[in-house]
C-alpha atoms as a PDB file:
ATOM      1  CA  MET A   1    -115.478  -3.085   8.274  1.00  0.00           C
ATOM      2  CA  LEU A   2    -117.360  -0.614   6.070  1.00  0.00           C
ATOM      3  CA  LYS A   3    -114.292   1.632   5.939  1.00  0.00           C
ATOM      4  CA  ASN A   4    -112.119  -1.273   4.809  1.00  0.00           C
ATOM      5  CA  VAL A   5    -114.586  -2.241   2.080  1.00  0.00           C
ATOM      6  CA  VAL A   6    -114.783   1.323   0.760  1.00  0.00           C
ATOM      7  CA  THR A   7    -110.973   1.623   0.798  1.00  0.00           C
ATOM      8  CA  ALA A   8    -110.627  -1.659  -1.091  1.00  0.00           C
ATOM      9  CA  LEU A   9    -113.170  -0.597  -3.719  1.00  0.00           C
ATOM     10  CA  LEU A  10    -111.453   2.752  -4.232  1.00  0.00           C
ATOM     11  CA  ALA A  11    -108.083   1.039  -4.592  1.00  0.00           C
ATOM     12  CA  TRP A  12    -109.530  -1.372  -7.136  1.00  0.00           C
ATOM     13  CA  ALA A  13    -111.123   1.481  -9.124  1.00  0.00           C
ATOM     14  CA  VAL A  14    -107.844   3.430  -9.177  1.00  0.00           C
ATOM     15  CA  ALA A  15    -105.960   0.324 -10.283  1.00  0.00           C
ATOM     16  CA  GLN A  16    -108.473  -0.333 -13.075  1.00  0.00           C
ATOM     17  CA  THR A  17    -108.240   3.278 -14.285  1.00  0.00           C
ATOM     18  CA  ALA A  18    -104.447   3.191 -14.297  1.00  0.00           C
ATOM     19  CA  THR A  19    -104.478  -0.114 -16.157  1.00  0.00           C
ATOM     20  CA  ALA A  20    -106.860   1.274 -18.793  1.00  0.00           C
ATOM     21  CA  GLN A  21    -104.661   4.318 -19.267  1.00  0.00           C
ATOM     22  CA  GLU A  22    -101.511   2.239 -19.607  1.00  0.00           C
ATOM     23  CA  LEU A  23    -103.027  -0.324 -21.980  1.00  0.00           C
ATOM     24  CA  GLU A  24    -101.345  -0.404 -25.397  1.00  0.00           C
ATOM     25  CA  TYR A  25    -101.651  -2.695 -28.402  1.00  0.00           C
ATOM     26  CA  LYS A  26     -99.019  -4.428 -30.473  1.00  0.00           C
ATOM     27  CA  MET A  27    -100.716  -4.460 -33.875  1.00  0.00           C
ATOM     28  CA  GLU A  28    -103.391  -2.960 -36.126  1.00  0.00           C
ATOM     29  CA  LEU A  29    -105.247  -4.875 -38.830  1.00  0.00           C
ATOM     30  CA  GLY A  30    -107.906  -3.672 -41.240  1.00  0.00           C
ATOM     31  CA  GLY A  31    -108.946  -2.781 -44.757  1.00  0.00           C
ATOM     32  CA  ALA A  32    -108.670   0.122 -47.181  1.00  0.00           C
ATOM     33  CA  LEU A  33    -110.641   1.423 -50.154  1.00  0.00           C
ATOM     34  CA  GLY A  34    -109.925   4.265 -52.548  1.00  0.00           C
ATOM     35  CA  GLY A  35    -108.400   5.080 -55.906  1.00  0.00           C
ATOM     36  CA  THR A  36    -105.172   4.746 -57.846  1.00  0.00           C
ATOM     37  CA  PHE A  37    -103.613   6.429 -60.874  1.00  0.00           C
ATOM     38  CA  TYR A  38    -100.528   5.894 -63.024  1.00  0.00           C
ATOM     39  CA  ILE A  39     -97.675   8.276 -63.851  1.00  0.00           C
ATOM     40  CA  GLY A  40     -95.492   7.526 -66.870  1.00  0.00           C
ATOM     41  CA  ASP A  41     -95.156   7.891 -70.630  1.00  0.00           C
ATOM     42  CA  ALA A  42     -98.933   7.778 -71.169  1.00  0.00           C
ATOM     43  CA  ASN A  43     -99.958  10.145 -68.357  1.00  0.00           C
ATOM     44  CA  ALA A  44     -98.188  13.013 -66.607  1.00  0.00           C
ATOM     45  CA  ALA A  45    -101.069  14.528 -64.629  1.00  0.00           C
ATOM     46  CA  LEU A  46    -101.818  13.788 -60.989  1.00  0.00           C
ATOM     47  CA  PHE A  47    -105.176  12.110 -60.241  1.00  0.00           C
ATOM     48  CA  ASN A  48    -105.878  11.530 -63.949  1.00  0.00           C
ATOM     49  CA  ASN A  49    -107.589   8.291 -65.054  1.00  0.00           C
ATOM     50  CA  MET A  50    -108.358   7.231 -61.478  1.00  0.00           C
ATOM     51  CA  GLY A  51    -109.159   3.556 -60.983  1.00  0.00           C
ATOM     52  CA  LEU A  52    -110.594   1.644 -58.044  1.00  0.00           C
ATOM     53  CA  ALA A  53    -108.180   0.346 -55.394  1.00  0.00           C
ATOM     54  CA  GLY A  54    -108.506  -1.604 -52.158  1.00  0.00           C
ATOM     55  CA  GLY A  55    -106.962  -4.214 -49.936  1.00  0.00           C
ATOM     56  CA  ALA A  56    -105.603  -5.011 -46.484  1.00  0.00           C
ATOM     57  CA  LYS A  57    -103.424  -2.947 -44.138  1.00  0.00           C
ATOM     58  CA  ALA A  58    -101.534  -3.956 -41.006  1.00  0.00           C
ATOM     59  CA  ALA A  59     -99.109  -2.305 -38.604  1.00  0.00           C
ATOM     60  CA  TYR A  60     -96.705  -3.455 -35.906  1.00  0.00           C
ATOM     61  CA  ILE A  61     -96.622  -0.697 -33.279  1.00  0.00           C
ATOM     62  CA  PHE A  62     -93.233   0.046 -31.725  1.00  0.00           C
ATOM     63  CA  ASN A  63     -94.454   2.982 -29.636  1.00  0.00           C
ATOM     64  CA  PRO A  64     -97.000   5.849 -29.915  1.00  0.00           C
ATOM     65  CA  ARG A  65     -94.820   7.603 -32.527  1.00  0.00           C
ATOM     66  CA  MET A  66     -93.432   4.783 -34.690  1.00  0.00           C
ATOM     67  CA  SER A  67     -94.774   1.726 -36.478  1.00  0.00           C
ATOM     68  CA  LEU A  68     -93.928  -0.696 -39.275  1.00  0.00           C
ATOM     69  CA  ASN A  69     -96.820  -0.778 -41.728  1.00  0.00           C
ATOM     70  CA  GLY A  70     -97.636  -3.464 -44.259  1.00  0.00           C
ATOM     71  CA  ASN A  71    -100.088  -3.640 -47.153  1.00  0.00           C
ATOM     72  CA  LEU A  72    -101.535  -5.958 -49.769  1.00  0.00           C
ATOM     73  CA  LEU A  73    -103.369  -3.782 -52.312  1.00  0.00           C
ATOM     74  CA  LEU A  74    -104.954  -4.161 -55.731  1.00  0.00           C
ATOM     75  CA  GLY A  75    -105.540  -1.264 -58.067  1.00  0.00           C
ATOM     76  CA  LYS A  76    -106.630  -0.539 -61.631  1.00  0.00           C
ATOM     77  CA  ILE A  77    -104.341   1.771 -63.610  1.00  0.00           C
ATOM     78  CA  SER A  78    -104.782   3.139 -67.122  1.00  0.00           C
ATOM     79  CA  GLY A  79    -103.455   5.790 -69.472  1.00  0.00           C
ATOM     80  CA  SER A  80    -103.312   7.038 -73.041  1.00  0.00           C
ATOM     81  CA  THR A  81    -100.860   9.068 -75.105  1.00  0.00           C
ATOM     82  CA  ASN A  82    -103.920  11.150 -75.928  1.00  0.00           C
ATOM     83  CA  ASP A  83    -103.232  12.793 -72.545  1.00  0.00           C
ATOM     84  CA  VAL A  84     -99.664  13.883 -73.360  1.00  0.00           C
ATOM     85  CA  SER A  85     -98.042  15.988 -76.091  1.00  0.00           C
ATOM     86  CA  THR A  86     -94.587  14.380 -76.041  1.00  0.00           C
ATOM     87  CA  VAL A  87     -92.718  13.829 -79.303  1.00  0.00           C
ATOM     88  CA  TYR A  88     -90.592  10.683 -78.986  1.00  0.00           C
ATOM     89  CA  PRO A  89     -87.140  10.243 -80.603  1.00  0.00           C
ATOM     90  CA  SER A  90     -88.701   7.975 -83.238  1.00  0.00           C
ATOM     91  CA  GLY A  91     -90.729  10.984 -84.425  1.00  0.00           C
ATOM     92  CA  THR A  92     -93.987   9.543 -83.081  1.00  0.00           C
ATOM     93  CA  LYS A  93     -96.132  12.059 -81.260  1.00  0.00           C
ATOM     94  CA  GLY A  94     -98.416  11.297 -78.378  1.00  0.00           C
ATOM     95  CA  THR A  95    -101.644  11.886 -80.298  1.00  0.00           C
ATOM     96  CA  PRO A  96    -105.115  10.358 -79.936  1.00  0.00           C
ATOM     97  CA  GLY A  97    -105.214   6.625 -80.580  1.00  0.00           C
ATOM     98  CA  THR A  98    -101.422   6.177 -80.598  1.00  0.00           C
ATOM     99  CA  ALA A  99    -101.253   4.004 -77.488  1.00  0.00           C
ATOM    100  CA  ARG A 100    -103.483   3.264 -74.527  1.00  0.00           C
ATOM    101  CA  PHE A 101    -103.494   0.683 -71.769  1.00  0.00           C
ATOM    102  CA  SER A 102    -105.416  -0.615 -68.758  1.00  0.00           C
ATOM    103  CA  ARG A 103    -104.260  -3.220 -66.274  1.00  0.00           C
ATOM    104  CA  THR A 104    -104.358  -4.348 -62.639  1.00  0.00           C
ATOM    105  CA  VAL A 105    -101.428  -3.983 -60.257  1.00  0.00           C
ATOM    106  CA  VAL A 106    -100.911  -5.973 -57.063  1.00  0.00           C
ATOM    107  CA  ASP A 107     -98.831  -4.231 -54.410  1.00  0.00           C
ATOM    108  CA  LEU A 108     -97.158  -5.967 -51.453  1.00  0.00           C
ATOM    109  CA  GLY A 109     -94.986  -3.730 -49.300  1.00  0.00           C
ATOM    110  CA  ALA A 110     -93.775  -2.463 -45.941  1.00  0.00           C
ATOM    111  CA  GLN A 111     -93.199   1.105 -44.789  1.00  0.00           C
ATOM    112  CA  PHE A 112     -91.763   2.710 -41.678  1.00  0.00           C
ATOM    113  CA  ALA A 113     -94.226   5.325 -40.404  1.00  0.00           C
ATOM    114  CA  CYS A 114     -93.515   8.225 -38.053  1.00  0.00           C
ATOM    115  CA  ASN A 115     -96.356  10.106 -36.333  1.00  0.00           C
ATOM    116  CA  PHE A 116     -96.032  13.849 -35.783  1.00  0.00           C
ATOM    117  CA  PHE A 117     -97.678  13.432 -32.353  1.00  0.00           C
ATOM    118  CA  ALA A 118     -97.756  10.539 -29.894  1.00  0.00           C
ATOM    119  CA  TYR A 119    -100.824   8.588 -30.982  1.00  0.00           C
ATOM    120  CA  GLY A 120    -103.368   7.074 -28.612  1.00  0.00           C
ATOM    121  CA  THR A 121    -106.641   7.557 -26.778  1.00  0.00           C
ATOM    122  CA  GLY A 122    -105.612  10.912 -25.339  1.00  0.00           C
ATOM    123  CA  LYS A 123    -105.754   9.590 -21.774  1.00  0.00           C
ATOM    124  CA  GLY A 124    -103.157   9.162 -19.074  1.00  0.00           C
ATOM    125  CA  TYR A 125     -99.669  10.429 -18.462  1.00  0.00           C
ATOM    126  CA  LYS A 126     -98.260   9.844 -21.982  1.00  0.00           C
ATOM    127  CA  GLY A 127     -99.705  13.013 -23.500  1.00  0.00           C
ATOM    128  CA  THR A 128    -101.081  11.118 -26.488  1.00  0.00           C
ATOM    129  CA  HIS A 129    -103.362  12.609 -29.165  1.00  0.00           C
ATOM    130  CA  LYS A 130    -106.374  11.063 -30.870  1.00  0.00           C
ATOM    131  CA  LEU A 131    -105.480  12.783 -34.171  1.00  0.00           C
ATOM    132  CA  THR A 132    -102.064  12.865 -35.809  1.00  0.00           C
ATOM    133  CA  PRO A 133    -100.555  13.350 -39.275  1.00  0.00           C
ATOM    134  CA  TYR A 134     -97.722  11.009 -40.282  1.00  0.00           C
ATOM    135  CA  ILE A 135     -95.149  10.357 -42.967  1.00  0.00           C
ATOM    136  CA  MET A 136     -93.961   7.014 -44.293  1.00  0.00           C
ATOM    137  CA  GLY A 137     -91.422   5.427 -46.614  1.00  0.00           C
ATOM    138  CA  GLY A 138     -90.292   1.918 -47.458  1.00  0.00           C
ATOM    139  CA  ALA A 139     -90.081  -0.723 -50.176  1.00  0.00           C
ATOM    140  CA  GLY A 140     -92.260  -3.357 -51.774  1.00  0.00           C
ATOM    141  CA  PHE A 141     -93.083  -5.473 -54.792  1.00  0.00           C
ATOM    142  CA  THR A 142     -95.393  -4.775 -57.725  1.00  0.00           C
ATOM    143  CA  TYR A 143     -96.953  -7.528 -59.810  1.00  0.00           C
ATOM    144  CA  ALA A 144     -98.940  -6.670 -62.943  1.00  0.00           C
ATOM    145  CA  PRO A 145    -100.300  -9.701 -64.823  1.00  0.00           C
ATOM    146  CA  SER A 146    -100.708  -9.836 -68.633  1.00  0.00           C
ATOM    147  CA  PRO A 147    -102.167  -8.826 -71.218  1.00  0.00           C
ATOM    148  CA  ALA A 148     -98.860  -8.271 -73.094  1.00  0.00           C
ATOM    149  CA  GLU A 149     -96.505  -9.742 -70.499  1.00  0.00           C
ATOM    150  CA  ASP A 150     -96.338 -10.200 -66.745  1.00  0.00           C
ATOM    151  CA  VAL A 151     -94.412  -7.521 -64.871  1.00  0.00           C
ATOM    152  CA  PHE A 152     -92.789  -8.141 -61.481  1.00  0.00           C
ATOM    153  CA  THR A 153     -90.664  -5.362 -60.030  1.00  0.00           C
ATOM    154  CA  LEU A 154     -89.569  -3.464 -56.944  1.00  0.00           C
ATOM    155  CA  ASN A 155     -91.342  -0.316 -55.830  1.00  0.00           C
ATOM    156  CA  PHE A 156     -90.378   2.437 -53.413  1.00  0.00           C
ATOM    157  CA  PRO A 157     -93.320   4.137 -51.667  1.00  0.00           C
ATOM    158  CA  LEU A 158     -93.350   7.573 -50.068  1.00  0.00           C
ATOM    159  CA  GLY A 159     -96.486   8.977 -48.494  1.00  0.00           C
ATOM    160  CA  ILE A 160     -98.331  11.101 -46.000  1.00  0.00           C
ATOM    161  CA  GLY A 161    -101.503  10.530 -44.025  1.00  0.00           C
ATOM    162  CA  VAL A 162    -103.726  11.452 -41.105  1.00  0.00           C
ATOM    163  CA  LYS A 163    -105.292   9.019 -38.655  1.00  0.00           C
ATOM    164  CA  TYR A 164    -107.820   9.367 -35.866  1.00  0.00           C
ATOM    165  CA  LYS A 165    -108.570   7.188 -32.830  1.00  0.00           C
ATOM    166  CA  TRP A 166    -112.326   6.837 -33.371  1.00  0.00           C
ATOM    167  CA  ARG A 167    -112.773   4.316 -30.552  1.00  0.00           C
ATOM    168  CA  GLU A 168    -110.367   2.868 -28.010  1.00  0.00           C
ATOM    169  CA  ARG A 169    -109.421   0.073 -30.438  1.00  0.00           C
ATOM    170  CA  VAL A 170    -110.681   1.484 -33.770  1.00  0.00           C
ATOM    171  CA  ASN A 171    -108.587   3.736 -36.027  1.00  0.00           C
ATOM    172  CA  VAL A 172    -109.690   5.556 -39.178  1.00  0.00           C
ATOM    173  CA  GLY A 173    -107.396   7.362 -41.577  1.00  0.00           C
ATOM    174  CA  ILE A 174    -106.708   8.724 -45.027  1.00  0.00           C
ATOM    175  CA  GLU A 175    -103.412   8.192 -46.823  1.00  0.00           C
ATOM    176  CA  TRP A 176    -101.792   9.325 -50.076  1.00  0.00           C
ATOM    177  CA  SER A 177     -98.656   7.676 -51.435  1.00  0.00           C
ATOM    178  CA  MET A 178     -96.563   7.439 -54.600  1.00  0.00           C
ATOM    179  CA  ARG A 179     -94.881   4.215 -55.714  1.00  0.00           C
ATOM    180  CA  LEU A 180     -91.865   4.616 -58.023  1.00  0.00           C
ATOM    181  CA  THR A 181     -91.204   1.269 -59.696  1.00  0.00           C
ATOM    182  CA  TRP A 182     -88.057  -0.179 -61.234  1.00  0.00           C
ATOM    183  CA  THR A 183     -89.649  -0.820 -64.630  1.00  0.00           C
ATOM    184  CA  ASP A 184     -90.892   1.070 -67.689  1.00  0.00           C
ATOM    185  CA  LYS A 185     -93.296  -1.693 -68.748  1.00  0.00           C
ATOM    186  CA  LEU A 186     -96.415  -1.027 -66.674  1.00  0.00           C
ATOM    187  CA  ASP A 187     -97.964   0.777 -69.643  1.00  0.00           C
ATOM    188  CA  VAL A 188     -97.019  -1.859 -72.248  1.00  0.00           C
ATOM    189  CA  THR A 189    -100.156  -3.942 -72.746  1.00  0.00           C
ATOM    190  CA  SER A 190    -100.213  -4.358 -76.527  1.00  0.00           C
ATOM    191  CA  LYS A 191     -97.699  -5.920 -78.900  1.00  0.00           C
ATOM    192  CA  GLU A 192     -98.810  -3.639 -81.721  1.00  0.00           C
ATOM    193  CA  GLY A 193     -98.340   0.085 -82.205  1.00  0.00           C
ATOM    194  CA  LEU A 194     -96.226   2.344 -80.037  1.00  0.00           C
ATOM    195  CA  GLN A 195     -94.394   0.403 -77.345  1.00  0.00           C
ATOM    196  CA  LEU A 196     -94.039   2.525 -74.216  1.00  0.00           C
ATOM    197  CA  ASN A 197     -91.129   0.489 -72.866  1.00  0.00           C
ATOM    198  CA  GLN A 198     -88.332   3.092 -72.871  1.00  0.00           C
ATOM    199  CA  PRO A 199     -89.732   5.168 -75.778  1.00  0.00           C
ATOM    200  CA  TYR A 200     -87.003   7.769 -75.165  1.00  0.00           C
ATOM    201  CA  GLY A 201     -84.285   5.165 -75.788  1.00  0.00           C
ATOM    202  CA  LEU A 202     -82.752   5.867 -72.371  1.00  0.00           C
ATOM    203  CA  GLU A 203     -81.511   2.482 -71.174  1.00  0.00           C
ATOM    204  CA  ASN A 204     -79.486   4.138 -68.394  1.00  0.00           C
ATOM    205  CA  GLY A 205     -81.150   7.529 -68.321  1.00  0.00           C
ATOM    206  CA  SER A 206     -82.991   9.449 -65.638  1.00  0.00           C
ATOM    207  CA  ILE A 207     -85.174   7.260 -63.438  1.00  0.00           C
ATOM    208  CA  PHE A 208     -87.986   9.796 -63.845  1.00  0.00           C
ATOM    209  CA  LYS A 209     -87.955   9.365 -67.639  1.00  0.00           C
ATOM    210  CA  ASN A 210     -87.127   5.662 -67.579  1.00  0.00           C
ATOM    211  CA  ARG A 211     -89.467   4.353 -64.842  1.00  0.00           C
ATOM    212  CA  ASP A 212     -93.213   4.126 -64.311  1.00  0.00           C
ATOM    213  CA  GLY A 213     -95.017   4.921 -61.088  1.00  0.00           C
ATOM    214  CA  TYR A 214     -98.470   4.851 -59.549  1.00  0.00           C
ATOM    215  CA  SER A 215    -100.257   6.353 -56.592  1.00  0.00           C
ATOM    216  CA  TYR A 216    -102.820   5.286 -53.986  1.00  0.00           C
ATOM    217  CA  THR A 217    -105.335   7.508 -52.214  1.00  0.00           C
ATOM    218  CA  LEU A 218    -106.962   5.365 -49.516  1.00  0.00           C
ATOM    219  CA  LEU A 219    -109.507   5.618 -46.747  1.00  0.00           C
ATOM    220  CA  TYR A 220    -108.882   2.876 -44.187  1.00  0.00           C
ATOM    221  CA  VAL A 221    -110.185   1.409 -40.930  1.00  0.00           C
ATOM    222  CA  THR A 222    -108.047  -0.734 -38.603  1.00  0.00           C
ATOM    223  CA  TYR A 223    -108.632  -2.534 -35.320  1.00  0.00           C
ATOM    224  CA  ASP A 224    -106.076  -2.802 -32.493  1.00  0.00           C
ATOM    225  CA  LEU A 225    -104.935  -6.336 -31.624  1.00  0.00           C
ATOM    226  CA  PHE A 226    -102.814  -8.059 -28.958  1.00  0.00           C
ATOM    227  CA  PRO A 227    -102.948  -5.782 -25.899  1.00  0.00           C
ATOM    228  CA  LYS A 228     -99.873  -5.249 -23.803  1.00  0.00           C
ATOM    229  CA  TYR A 229     -99.679  -3.798 -20.294  1.00  0.00           C
ATOM    230  CA  ARG A 230     -96.983  -1.452 -19.050  1.00  0.00           C
ATOM    231  CA  LYS A 231     -96.302  -1.358 -15.342  1.00  0.00           C
ATOM    232  CA  CYS A 232     -95.158   1.839 -13.701  1.00  0.00           C
ATOM    233  CA  ASN A 233     -92.066   1.252 -11.588  1.00  0.00           C
ATOM    234  CA  ASN A 234     -90.817   3.957  -9.292  1.00  0.00           C
ATOM    235  CA  PHE A 235     -87.328   2.538  -8.920  1.00  0.00           C
END
């Protein structure tokens, strides 16, 4: 009788260990906080005029290497032609006091993310790693309310990041991304003075001269949701 009880307990313990190792989750949900900056006609330097940014992040997990990420972020961007030395076709030079702006952008988007290593708790037969870098790319929408006029446009994010499995269901990470938008009006917040909407007069010119962009640098924490179990079948 004692032998049978011990055997049953050992079998149960092995089954529980295998189940814990095979446990995966379908989604991540959490928040992010960091900074944002703008790139365009009134700023050409990375990480210049940083503003506060934050919001929500989510991910649908396909497997330990791939996921579909989503975000709803708010950020404060600003710039001034005091920071550039461009001479525009009109003859106006980017000198102090010529034009400056500050506004909030709302970002709603989705990105496909690919981990360099299989990501997980580092247990079991999958060979997963608690720490992995990743790359991502996708599409989204940018909304920037007044002062001069509302702006609603597409954006195309590209980014890199690193995330770490801090606990079995808790992930922490840091991420940097650039959003190239389909507008040149993010820096137009005043109806007087130099208007930075296509100051080069390039209606159909280079997208890098005719479009504004912005960047997020974020520290985030997410929690794993909706567990799924994978059974091992030997046939």
